[in-house]
């Protein structure tokens, strides 16, 4: 009996994704994977850290602005942190 490659493949660990975004901060899929894992774990602090880091390391002004808006919305809607949201908008 042969196993399919997907049955034997392991999922990348969070450290692999962290290394990926460290080497290339424009890797949106790696940021998304980190955010999904943190969300599944219910780790609000880590989600905030990832959103902040993604905004700080954005490659263009437009991408940076979009990331800070996402961070502000997260702080306001999920954390109820109005001052933190305002800080992200600034």
N, C-alpha and C. Protein backbone atom coordinates (compact mmCIF):
# COMPACT_ATOMS: atom_id res chain seq x y z
N UNK A 1 0.84 -1.18 0.00
CA UNK A 1 0.00 0.00 0.00
C UNK A 1 0.89 1.24 0.00
N UNK A 2 0.62 2.14 -0.92
CA UNK A 2 1.40 3.38 -1.02
C UNK A 2 0.61 4.52 -0.40
N UNK A 3 1.33 5.37 0.29
CA UNK A 3 0.70 6.56 0.86
C UNK A 3 0.85 7.70 -0.12
N UNK A 4 -0.18 8.51 -0.19
CA UNK A 4 -0.07 9.68 -1.05
C UNK A 4 0.87 10.69 -0.42
N UNK A 5 1.51 11.53 -1.22
CA UNK A 5 2.44 12.51 -0.66
C UNK A 5 1.77 13.41 0.39
N UNK A 6 0.50 13.75 0.19
CA UNK A 6 -0.15 14.62 1.15
C UNK A 6 -0.39 13.92 2.48
N UNK A 7 -0.50 12.61 2.47
CA UNK A 7 -0.73 11.87 3.71
C UNK A 7 0.53 11.83 4.56
N UNK A 8 1.69 11.86 3.93
CA UNK A 8 2.93 11.78 4.68
C UNK A 8 3.58 13.14 4.88
N UNK A 9 3.12 14.14 4.18
CA UNK A 9 3.72 15.47 4.30
C UNK A 9 3.34 16.10 5.64
N UNK A 10 4.26 16.84 6.19
CA UNK A 10 3.97 17.54 7.44
C UNK A 10 3.71 19.01 7.13
N UNK A 11 2.95 19.63 8.00
CA UNK A 11 2.66 21.05 7.83
C UNK A 11 3.85 21.87 8.32
N UNK A 12 4.15 22.94 7.65
CA UNK A 12 5.23 23.80 8.12
C UNK A 12 4.90 24.35 9.51
N UNK A 13 5.91 24.46 10.33
CA UNK A 13 5.70 25.00 11.68
C UNK A 13 5.67 26.52 11.62
N UNK A 14 5.14 27.15 12.68
CA UNK A 14 5.13 28.61 12.70
C UNK A 14 6.52 29.21 12.51
N UNK A 15 7.56 28.51 12.99
CA UNK A 15 8.90 29.06 12.83
C UNK A 15 9.32 29.12 11.35
N UNK A 16 8.81 28.21 10.54
CA UNK A 16 9.10 28.26 9.10
C UNK A 16 8.48 29.51 8.48
N UNK A 17 7.24 29.79 8.86
CA UNK A 17 6.58 30.99 8.35
C UNK A 17 7.26 32.26 8.87
N UNK A 18 7.66 32.24 10.12
CA UNK A 18 8.35 33.40 10.68
C UNK A 18 9.67 33.64 9.97
N UNK A 19 10.39 32.58 9.68
CA UNK A 19 11.64 32.71 8.94
C UNK A 19 11.37 33.24 7.53
N UNK A 20 10.29 32.77 6.92
CA UNK A 20 9.95 33.21 5.57
C UNK A 20 9.68 34.71 5.53
N UNK A 21 8.89 35.22 6.49
CA UNK A 21 8.58 36.65 6.47
C UNK A 21 9.78 37.49 6.91
N UNK A 22 10.67 36.88 7.68
CA UNK A 22 11.91 37.58 8.03
C UNK A 22 12.78 37.77 6.78
N UNK A 23 12.86 36.72 5.96
CA UNK A 23 13.68 36.78 4.75
C UNK A 23 13.01 37.62 3.66
N UNK A 24 11.69 37.54 3.57
CA UNK A 24 10.96 38.30 2.56
C UNK A 24 9.63 38.77 3.14
N UNK A 25 9.59 39.98 3.70
CA UNK A 25 8.38 40.48 4.35
C UNK A 25 7.20 40.69 3.41
N UNK A 26 7.40 40.54 2.12
CA UNK A 26 6.29 40.71 1.17
C UNK A 26 5.51 39.42 0.94
N UNK A 27 5.88 38.34 1.60
CA UNK A 27 5.20 37.05 1.41
C UNK A 27 3.86 37.04 2.14
N UNK A 28 2.85 37.49 1.44
CA UNK A 28 1.51 37.59 2.03
C UNK A 28 0.98 36.25 2.51
N UNK A 29 1.25 35.19 1.79
CA UNK A 29 0.75 33.87 2.18
C UNK A 29 1.34 33.43 3.51
N UNK A 30 2.60 33.75 3.76
CA UNK A 30 3.23 33.39 5.03
C UNK A 30 2.62 34.20 6.18
N UNK A 31 2.40 35.50 5.95
CA UNK A 31 1.74 36.33 6.97
C UNK A 31 0.35 35.77 7.27
N UNK A 32 -0.38 35.43 6.21
CA UNK A 32 -1.74 34.90 6.39
C UNK A 32 -1.72 33.60 7.19
N UNK A 33 -0.75 32.73 6.92
CA UNK A 33 -0.64 31.47 7.66
C UNK A 33 -0.35 31.73 9.14
N UNK A 34 0.54 32.67 9.42
CA UNK A 34 0.83 33.01 10.81
C UNK A 34 -0.41 33.55 11.51
N UNK A 35 -1.14 34.42 10.82
CA UNK A 35 -2.35 34.99 11.41
C UNK A 35 -3.42 33.92 11.65
N UNK A 36 -3.58 33.00 10.71
CA UNK A 36 -4.56 31.92 10.88
C UNK A 36 -4.21 31.05 12.08
N UNK A 37 -2.94 30.70 12.20
CA UNK A 37 -2.52 29.86 13.32
C UNK A 37 -2.74 30.57 14.66
N UNK A 38 -2.40 31.84 14.71
CA UNK A 38 -2.60 32.60 15.95
C UNK A 38 -4.09 32.73 16.27
N UNK A 39 -4.90 32.92 15.24
CA UNK A 39 -6.34 33.03 15.44
C UNK A 39 -6.92 31.71 15.95
N UNK A 40 -6.51 30.61 15.36
CA UNK A 40 -6.98 29.30 15.82
C UNK A 40 -6.59 29.04 17.27
N UNK A 41 -5.42 29.54 17.65
CA UNK A 41 -4.95 29.36 19.03
C UNK A 41 -5.58 30.37 19.99
N UNK A 42 -6.32 31.34 19.45
CA UNK A 42 -6.93 32.37 20.29
C UNK A 42 -5.91 33.32 20.88
N UNK A 43 -4.80 33.51 20.20
CA UNK A 43 -3.70 34.34 20.70
C UNK A 43 -3.81 35.76 20.14
N UNK A 44 -4.60 36.58 20.81
CA UNK A 44 -4.85 37.95 20.35
C UNK A 44 -3.58 38.79 20.34
N UNK A 45 -2.71 38.59 21.31
CA UNK A 45 -1.45 39.37 21.34
C UNK A 45 -0.58 39.06 20.13
N UNK A 46 -0.48 37.79 19.79
CA UNK A 46 0.35 37.41 18.64
C UNK A 46 -0.25 37.94 17.34
N UNK A 47 -1.57 37.90 17.22
CA UNK A 47 -2.21 38.46 16.03
C UNK A 47 -1.84 39.93 15.89
N UNK A 48 -1.95 40.67 16.98
CA UNK A 48 -1.58 42.09 16.96
C UNK A 48 -0.12 42.30 16.58
N UNK A 49 0.74 41.45 17.11
CA UNK A 49 2.17 41.56 16.78
C UNK A 49 2.42 41.30 15.30
N UNK A 50 1.76 40.28 14.75
CA UNK A 50 1.94 39.97 13.34
C UNK A 50 1.40 41.10 12.45
N UNK A 51 0.23 41.62 12.80
CA UNK A 51 -0.33 42.72 12.01
C UNK A 51 0.58 43.94 12.06
N UNK A 52 1.11 44.24 13.24
CA UNK A 52 2.02 45.38 13.39
C UNK A 52 3.28 45.17 12.57
N UNK A 53 3.87 43.99 12.67
CA UNK A 53 5.10 43.69 11.93
C UNK A 53 4.87 43.75 10.43
N UNK A 54 3.74 43.20 9.98
CA UNK A 54 3.45 43.23 8.55
C UNK A 54 3.31 44.67 8.06
N UNK A 55 2.69 45.52 8.85
CA UNK A 55 2.54 46.93 8.46
C UNK A 55 3.91 47.62 8.42
N UNK A 56 4.73 47.38 9.42
CA UNK A 56 6.04 48.03 9.49
C UNK A 56 6.96 47.60 8.34
N UNK A 57 6.80 46.37 7.88
CA UNK A 57 7.71 45.82 6.87
C UNK A 57 7.13 45.85 5.46
N UNK A 58 6.01 46.50 5.29
CA UNK A 58 5.36 46.54 3.97
C UNK A 58 6.28 47.18 2.94
N UNK A 59 6.19 46.67 1.72
CA UNK A 59 7.09 47.11 0.66
C UNK A 59 6.71 48.44 0.03
N UNK A 60 5.43 48.79 0.07
CA UNK A 60 5.00 50.03 -0.56
C UNK A 60 4.13 50.83 0.41
N UNK A 61 3.99 52.10 0.11
CA UNK A 61 3.15 52.95 0.95
C UNK A 61 1.70 52.47 0.96
N UNK A 62 1.21 52.06 -0.18
CA UNK A 62 -0.16 51.58 -0.27
C UNK A 62 -0.38 50.33 0.58
N UNK A 63 0.53 49.38 0.46
CA UNK A 63 0.45 48.15 1.24
C UNK A 63 0.56 48.45 2.73
N UNK A 64 1.46 49.36 3.08
CA UNK A 64 1.63 49.77 4.47
C UNK A 64 0.35 50.38 5.02
N UNK A 65 -0.26 51.27 4.25
CA UNK A 65 -1.51 51.91 4.68
C UNK A 65 -2.61 50.87 4.89
N UNK A 66 -2.72 49.93 3.95
CA UNK A 66 -3.74 48.88 4.07
C UNK A 66 -3.51 48.03 5.32
N UNK A 67 -2.25 47.73 5.59
CA UNK A 67 -1.92 46.90 6.76
C UNK A 67 -2.23 47.64 8.05
N UNK A 68 -1.95 48.94 8.10
CA UNK A 68 -2.26 49.70 9.31
C UNK A 68 -3.77 49.85 9.51
N UNK A 69 -4.53 49.95 8.43
CA UNK A 69 -5.99 49.98 8.55
C UNK A 69 -6.48 48.65 9.11
N UNK A 70 -5.93 47.54 8.62
CA UNK A 70 -6.31 46.23 9.14
C UNK A 70 -5.97 46.11 10.62
N UNK A 71 -4.80 46.61 11.01
CA UNK A 71 -4.40 46.59 12.41
C UNK A 71 -5.35 47.43 13.26
N UNK A 72 -5.70 48.61 12.78
CA UNK A 72 -6.61 49.49 13.52
C UNK A 72 -7.97 48.83 13.69
N UNK A 73 -8.48 48.23 12.64
CA UNK A 73 -9.78 47.55 12.73
C UNK A 73 -9.72 46.40 13.72
N UNK A 74 -8.63 45.66 13.69
CA UNK A 74 -8.48 44.54 14.62
C UNK A 74 -8.49 45.05 16.05
N UNK A 75 -7.71 46.08 16.31
CA UNK A 75 -7.65 46.63 17.66
C UNK A 75 -9.01 47.15 18.13
N UNK A 76 -9.73 47.81 17.23
CA UNK A 76 -11.02 48.38 17.60
C UNK A 76 -12.09 47.29 17.75
N UNK A 77 -12.22 46.44 16.76
CA UNK A 77 -13.33 45.49 16.73
C UNK A 77 -13.10 44.25 17.58
N UNK A 78 -11.90 43.73 17.58
CA UNK A 78 -11.65 42.48 18.31
C UNK A 78 -11.14 42.71 19.73
N UNK A 79 -10.40 43.80 19.92
CA UNK A 79 -9.82 44.06 21.24
C UNK A 79 -10.55 45.15 22.00
N UNK A 80 -11.38 45.92 21.30
CA UNK A 80 -12.06 47.04 21.95
C UNK A 80 -11.08 48.12 22.39
N UNK A 81 -9.98 48.24 21.68
CA UNK A 81 -8.91 49.18 22.03
C UNK A 81 -8.98 50.41 21.12
N UNK A 82 -9.83 51.36 21.49
CA UNK A 82 -9.99 52.57 20.70
C UNK A 82 -8.70 53.37 20.57
N UNK A 83 -8.00 53.64 21.69
CA UNK A 83 -6.74 54.39 21.57
C UNK A 83 -5.69 53.66 20.71
N UNK A 84 -5.63 52.35 20.83
CA UNK A 84 -4.70 51.57 20.00
C UNK A 84 -5.06 51.62 18.53
N UNK A 85 -6.37 51.62 18.25
CA UNK A 85 -6.83 51.73 16.87
C UNK A 85 -6.45 53.10 16.30
N UNK A 86 -6.67 54.13 17.09
CA UNK A 86 -6.33 55.49 16.63
C UNK A 86 -4.83 55.59 16.37
N UNK A 87 -4.03 55.00 17.22
CA UNK A 87 -2.57 55.00 17.03
C UNK A 87 -2.20 54.33 15.71
N UNK A 88 -2.85 53.23 15.38
CA UNK A 88 -2.55 52.52 14.12
C UNK A 88 -2.97 53.37 12.92
N UNK A 89 -4.07 54.12 13.03
CA UNK A 89 -4.51 54.97 11.93
C UNK A 89 -3.55 56.12 11.69
N UNK A 90 -2.89 56.57 12.74
CA UNK A 90 -1.96 57.70 12.60
C UNK A 90 -0.69 57.23 11.97
